């Protein structure tokens, strides 16, 4: 199992742009959208660290 950071970041950015566009059309404030963006980015990075460590652990178990 590998985590391709570039590919996953691109998918995340496309998803986030679509979500933010929809939120703006629904009248959500820019402050709320910014907070969601920051939170989702932190979750993305947390997942990246998890998969990197999981991959490293797999190397040691082989």
Protein backbone atom coordinates (compact mmCIF):
# COMPACT_ATOMS: atom_id res chain seq x y z
CA UNK A 1 0.00 0.00 0.00
CA UNK A 2 1.51 3.33 -0.96
CA UNK A 3 0.35 6.88 -0.55
CA UNK A 4 1.10 9.01 -3.59
CA UNK A 5 1.13 12.49 -2.04
CA UNK A 6 0.91 14.41 -5.32
CA UNK A 7 -2.00 12.42 -6.66
CA UNK A 8 -3.88 12.49 -3.37
CA UNK A 9 -3.31 16.23 -2.91
CA UNK A 10 -4.64 16.91 -6.41
CA UNK A 11 -7.76 14.83 -5.70
CA UNK A 12 -8.22 16.65 -2.37
CA UNK A 13 -7.90 20.09 -3.97
CA UNK A 14 -10.43 19.25 -6.69
CA UNK A 15 -12.88 17.91 -4.09
CA UNK A 16 -12.32 20.95 -1.85
CA UNK A 17 -12.85 23.45 -4.70
CA UNK A 18 -16.15 21.78 -5.63
CA UNK A 19 -17.27 21.72 -2.00
CA UNK A 20 -16.38 25.39 -1.46
CA UNK A 21 -18.21 26.38 -4.63
CA UNK A 22 -21.32 24.60 -3.39
CA UNK A 23 -21.03 26.17 0.06
CA UNK A 24 -20.75 29.65 -1.47
CA UNK A 25 -23.85 29.03 -3.60
CA UNK A 26 -25.69 28.10 -0.40
CA UNK A 27 -24.67 31.36 1.25
CA UNK A 28 -22.17 30.02 3.79
CA UNK A 29 -19.87 32.74 5.15
CA UNK A 30 -16.26 32.93 3.94
CA UNK A 31 -15.07 32.67 7.54
CA UNK A 32 -16.82 29.31 7.94
CA UNK A 33 -15.48 28.08 4.59
CA UNK A 34 -11.94 29.07 5.64
CA UNK A 35 -12.30 27.19 8.94
CA UNK A 36 -13.54 24.08 7.11
CA UNK A 37 -10.64 24.33 4.66
CA UNK A 38 -8.12 24.53 7.51
CA UNK A 39 -9.70 21.61 9.34
CA UNK A 40 -9.91 19.41 6.23
CA UNK A 41 -6.27 20.21 5.35
CA UNK A 42 -5.21 19.10 8.85
CA UNK A 43 -7.15 15.85 8.42
CA UNK A 44 -5.52 15.28 5.01
CA UNK A 45 -2.04 15.73 6.52
CA UNK A 46 -2.91 13.47 9.44
CA UNK A 47 -3.97 10.75 7.00
CA UNK A 48 -0.75 11.24 5.04
CA UNK A 49 1.34 10.75 8.18
CA UNK A 50 -0.68 7.66 9.11
CA UNK A 51 -0.20 6.01 5.72
CA UNK A 52 3.51 6.88 5.67
CA UNK A 53 4.02 5.26 9.08
CA UNK A 54 1.90 2.29 8.11
CA UNK A 55 4.05 1.83 5.04
CA UNK A 56 7.24 2.12 7.14
CA UNK A 57 5.89 -0.44 9.63
CA UNK A 58 5.08 -2.80 6.77
CA UNK A 59 8.69 -2.62 5.61
CA UNK A 60 9.89 -3.72 9.05
CA UNK A 61 7.37 -6.56 9.24
CA UNK A 62 8.45 -8.07 5.93
